Amino acid sequence: MTYIAHESRRQRVSSLLTVAAAGLALLLATRSAKAQVTSDAEVVSTPAPQHFSVCYGHGCRDIAQIGLSPAEWQGVRDRLTPPAANAAMERQRISAAVALLESFVGAYTGTGRPGQMDCIDEATNTTTYLNMMAAENLLRWHTVEDHAIRGFFIFGWPHASAVIRDTQSGQRYAVDSWFHRNGVAPEIVPLKTWRSGWRPEG
C-alpha cells in the first residue's frame, strides 16, 4: 500500500532570495545529495522505493516521506529494462523514469502544480530518484554525480541540477526537471552546455 508522511521545518522564509541563498549554501557546503540530507533528521538518508524522502516549498523547506507500491516501482523498472543498448538510449529512459516518479510523488504530496518547487527542490528530488535507480542496478551506462550549480548571482540567477556521468565517455550530463511542469520528462543535456546558461527553446 502506498503511504505518505508529511513533515515541515515550520521556518518562514522572508524572501525568495533568502530561500535560494540558503539552499545554495547547503549544496555548496555538501557537494553531494547524500551529505546534504544526513544532517536533517526528517530526511531518509538511504532512499529506497519503499521509503524515501522528497522536498518542496522552495529551498527544501518542507519534506515528505514516501513509499511506493510494488506496482508503481515496477512501472519505473519497466522504463529501464531490459538494459539500454547504449548510453544515449539509457538517457532517454532515465528521463521517462524520472517523469513517472514525479507524477507519483506530485499526486501524493499535492505538489503537481507549477511554482511549488524551485530548482533546489527539483535537483534534490531528481538526485534521489537517480540514486534509487542506481541502487536497484537499473543504470548500466551511467553513474549519479553531485549536484551542479550555475550562476552564483554574479553571472546570472543561481540554478541547480542533478547530474549523471556516462561511464564510457566520462561526459557528464545535467538532468534538469525544473524547466517543465510536474511529470514531464526532464531535459538531459551535456553539463558544459547547461553551465553556459542553456535552457529549452520556447
Protein backbone atom coordinates (compact mmCIF):
# COMPACT_ATOMS: atom_id res chain seq x y z
CA MET A 1 0.00 0.00 0.00
CA THR A 2 1.25 3.48 -0.82
CA TYR A 3 1.80 5.80 2.10
CA ILE A 4 2.97 9.33 2.67
CA ALA A 5 4.00 11.13 5.85
CA HIS A 6 4.43 14.91 5.82
CA GLU A 7 6.89 16.80 7.98
CA SER A 8 7.74 20.53 7.94
CA ARG A 9 10.54 22.61 9.37
CA ARG A 10 7.97 25.37 10.13
CA GLN A 11 10.52 28.00 9.24
CA ARG A 12 9.11 31.02 7.41
CA VAL A 13 11.42 32.50 4.82
CA SER A 14 11.17 36.23 4.29
CA SER A 15 12.01 36.29 0.57
CA LEU A 16 12.76 34.07 -2.42
CA LEU A 17 16.31 35.39 -2.45
CA THR A 18 16.87 34.25 1.12
CA VAL A 19 15.48 30.81 0.32
CA ALA A 20 17.64 30.44 -2.77
CA ALA A 21 20.76 31.58 -0.91
CA ALA A 22 20.11 29.13 1.94
CA GLY A 23 19.52 26.24 -0.44
CA LEU A 24 22.61 27.04 -2.45
CA ALA A 25 24.68 27.26 0.71
CA LEU A 26 23.61 23.71 1.56
CA LEU A 27 24.56 22.47 -1.89
CA LEU A 28 27.91 24.22 -1.87
CA ALA A 29 28.74 23.02 1.63
CA THR A 30 27.96 19.38 0.98
CA ARG A 31 28.52 18.90 -2.78
CA SER A 32 26.62 15.63 -2.66
CA ALA A 33 22.99 14.65 -2.35
CA LYS A 34 23.61 12.17 0.43
CA ALA A 35 25.72 14.55 2.53
CA GLN A 36 23.21 17.32 2.01
CA VAL A 37 20.44 15.46 3.78
CA THR A 38 22.09 13.44 6.52
CA SER A 39 22.12 16.37 8.94
CA ASP A 40 18.34 16.65 8.70
CA ALA A 41 16.50 14.08 10.82
CA GLU A 42 13.37 14.25 8.66
CA VAL A 43 15.19 13.09 5.53
CA VAL A 44 15.70 9.44 4.57
CA SER A 45 19.46 9.18 4.09
CA THR A 46 19.35 5.85 2.22
CA PRO A 47 16.42 6.16 -0.18
CA ALA A 48 14.63 3.06 -1.40
CA PRO A 49 11.38 2.71 -3.36
CA GLN A 50 9.53 1.65 -0.22
CA HIS A 51 10.81 4.57 1.85
CA PHE A 52 12.37 7.78 0.61
CA SER A 53 12.00 11.49 1.13
CA VAL A 54 11.30 14.38 -1.20
CA CYS A 55 11.37 18.10 -0.55
CA TYR A 56 9.39 21.08 -1.79
CA GLY A 57 8.28 24.56 -0.76
CA HIS A 58 11.39 26.29 -2.20
CA GLY A 59 14.84 25.65 -0.77
CA CYS A 60 13.66 22.24 0.53
CA ARG A 61 11.69 24.00 3.26
CA ASP A 62 9.18 21.12 3.53
CA ILE A 63 9.82 17.39 3.46
CA ALA A 64 7.60 14.39 2.77
CA GLN A 65 8.41 10.72 3.26
CA ILE A 66 7.04 8.49 0.51
CA GLY A 67 6.59 4.76 -0.01
CA LEU A 68 5.78 3.50 -3.50
CA SER A 69 3.70 0.40 -4.07
CA PRO A 70 5.40 -2.57 -5.82
CA ALA A 71 3.30 -1.87 -8.91
CA GLU A 72 4.41 1.76 -9.02
CA TRP A 73 8.08 0.89 -8.73
CA GLN A 74 7.64 -1.81 -11.36
CA GLY A 75 6.46 0.93 -13.69
CA VAL A 76 9.79 2.66 -13.14
CA ARG A 77 11.69 -0.58 -13.70
CA ASP A 78 9.78 -1.18 -16.92
CA ARG A 79 11.13 2.07 -18.34
CA LEU A 80 14.71 0.97 -17.71
CA THR A 81 14.56 -2.74 -18.54
CA PRO A 82 15.79 -4.58 -20.42
CA PRO A 83 19.05 -2.61 -20.23
CA ALA A 84 19.55 0.02 -22.91
CA ALA A 85 21.82 -0.85 -25.83
CA ASN A 86 23.83 2.36 -25.42
CA ALA A 87 24.22 5.43 -23.22
CA ALA A 88 22.11 7.72 -25.39
CA MET A 89 19.19 5.32 -25.20
CA GLU A 90 19.60 5.00 -21.45
CA ARG A 91 19.44 8.77 -21.04
CA GLN A 92 16.09 8.77 -22.81
CA ARG A 93 14.86 6.04 -20.50
CA ILE A 94 16.15 7.85 -17.42
CA SER A 95 14.18 10.90 -18.48
CA ALA A 96 11.00 8.85 -18.80
CA ALA A 97 11.56 7.16 -15.42
CA VAL A 98 12.10 10.48 -13.63
CA ALA A 99 8.91 11.84 -15.20
CA LEU A 100 6.94 8.86 -13.94
CA LEU A 101 8.33 9.24 -10.41
CA GLU A 102 7.45 12.92 -10.47
CA SER A 103 3.86 12.09 -11.40
CA PHE A 104 3.58 9.63 -8.48
CA VAL A 105 5.15 11.98 -5.97
CA GLY A 106 3.24 15.03 -7.17
CA ALA A 107 -0.06 13.22 -6.70
CA TYR A 108 0.82 12.10 -3.16
CA THR A 109 2.30 15.38 -1.93
CA GLY A 110 -0.02 17.74 -3.76
CA THR A 111 2.97 19.38 -5.43
CA GLY A 112 1.96 18.83 -9.03
CA ARG A 113 1.12 22.49 -9.69
CA PRO A 114 3.64 24.89 -11.27
CA GLY A 115 5.58 27.11 -8.89
CA GLN A 116 5.56 24.77 -5.89
CA MET A 117 9.18 23.73 -6.34
CA ASP A 118 12.30 25.68 -7.13
CA CYS A 119 15.46 24.31 -8.73
CA ILE A 120 16.88 23.29 -5.34
CA ASP A 121 13.83 21.10 -4.67
CA GLU A 122 13.93 19.67 -8.18
CA ALA A 123 17.67 18.92 -8.18
CA THR A 124 17.46 17.26 -4.77
CA ASN A 125 14.47 15.10 -5.66
CA THR A 126 15.79 14.10 -9.08
CA THR A 127 19.09 13.05 -7.49
CA THR A 128 17.13 10.92 -5.02
CA TYR A 129 15.28 9.23 -7.88
CA LEU A 130 18.53 8.61 -9.75
CA ASN A 131 20.18 7.15 -6.66
CA MET A 132 17.26 4.74 -6.21
CA MET A 133 17.63 3.62 -9.83
CA ALA A 134 21.35 3.10 -9.38
CA ALA A 135 20.86 1.18 -6.12
CA GLU A 136 18.48 -1.17 -7.92
CA ASN A 137 21.12 -1.75 -10.66
CA LEU A 138 18.89 -0.19 -13.29
CA LEU A 139 21.63 2.03 -14.75
CA ARG A 140 24.15 0.27 -17.00
CA TRP A 141 25.75 3.24 -18.74
CA HIS A 142 25.68 6.00 -16.12
CA THR A 143 26.58 6.83 -12.54
CA VAL A 144 24.98 9.50 -10.37
CA GLU A 145 27.09 12.58 -9.63
CA ASP A 146 26.85 15.53 -7.24
CA HIS A 147 24.54 18.45 -7.91
CA ALA A 148 25.74 21.10 -10.32
CA ILE A 149 25.13 24.81 -9.81
CA ARG A 150 25.44 27.68 -12.24
CA GLY A 151 25.00 31.42 -11.82
CA PHE A 152 26.10 32.24 -8.25
CA PHE A 153 24.29 35.64 -8.51
CA ILE A 154 27.29 37.24 -10.23
CA PHE A 155 26.85 35.69 -13.68
CA GLY A 156 23.10 35.14 -13.50
CA TRP A 157 20.36 33.85 -11.23
CA PRO A 158 21.62 30.69 -9.48
CA HIS A 159 20.30 27.43 -10.85
CA ALA A 160 20.88 23.80 -9.78
CA SER A 161 20.51 20.45 -11.49
CA ALA A 162 21.01 16.75 -10.87
CA VAL A 163 23.93 15.21 -12.80
CA ILE A 164 24.80 11.83 -14.30
CA ARG A 165 28.06 10.67 -15.87
CA ASP A 166 28.46 8.47 -18.93
CA THR A 167 30.76 5.66 -17.74
CA GLN A 168 32.15 5.04 -21.23
CA SER A 169 32.93 8.58 -22.40
CA GLY A 170 33.23 10.23 -18.98
CA GLN A 171 30.95 13.04 -20.15
CA ARG A 172 28.62 14.47 -17.54
CA TYR A 173 25.02 15.46 -18.20
CA ALA A 174 22.61 17.74 -16.38
CA VAL A 175 19.25 16.11 -15.62
CA ASP A 176 17.14 19.22 -15.20
CA SER A 177 13.49 18.74 -14.27
CA TRP A 178 12.85 22.37 -13.31
CA PHE A 179 12.02 23.71 -16.78
CA HIS A 180 8.81 21.72 -17.23
CA ARG A 181 5.68 21.01 -15.26
CA ASN A 182 5.49 18.01 -12.95
CA GLY A 183 5.51 14.65 -14.72
CA VAL A 184 7.06 15.93 -17.95
CA ALA A 185 10.35 14.32 -18.98
CA PRO A 186 13.31 16.36 -17.72
CA GLU A 187 15.91 17.82 -20.03
CA ILE A 188 19.19 15.88 -20.21
CA VAL A 189 21.96 17.89 -21.84
CA PRO A 190 25.77 17.93 -21.63
CA LEU A 191 26.76 19.61 -18.39
CA LYS A 192 29.13 22.01 -20.17
CA THR A 193 26.26 23.19 -22.36
CA TRP A 194 23.96 23.52 -19.35
CA ARG A 195 26.54 25.55 -17.42
CA SER A 196 26.70 28.05 -20.28
CA GLY A 197 23.13 29.10 -19.45
CA TRP A 198 21.28 26.66 -21.69
CA ARG A 199 17.52 26.46 -21.45
CA PRO A 200 14.98 24.71 -23.71
CA GLU A 201 13.51 26.68 -26.58
CA GLY A 202 10.05 28.03 -26.11
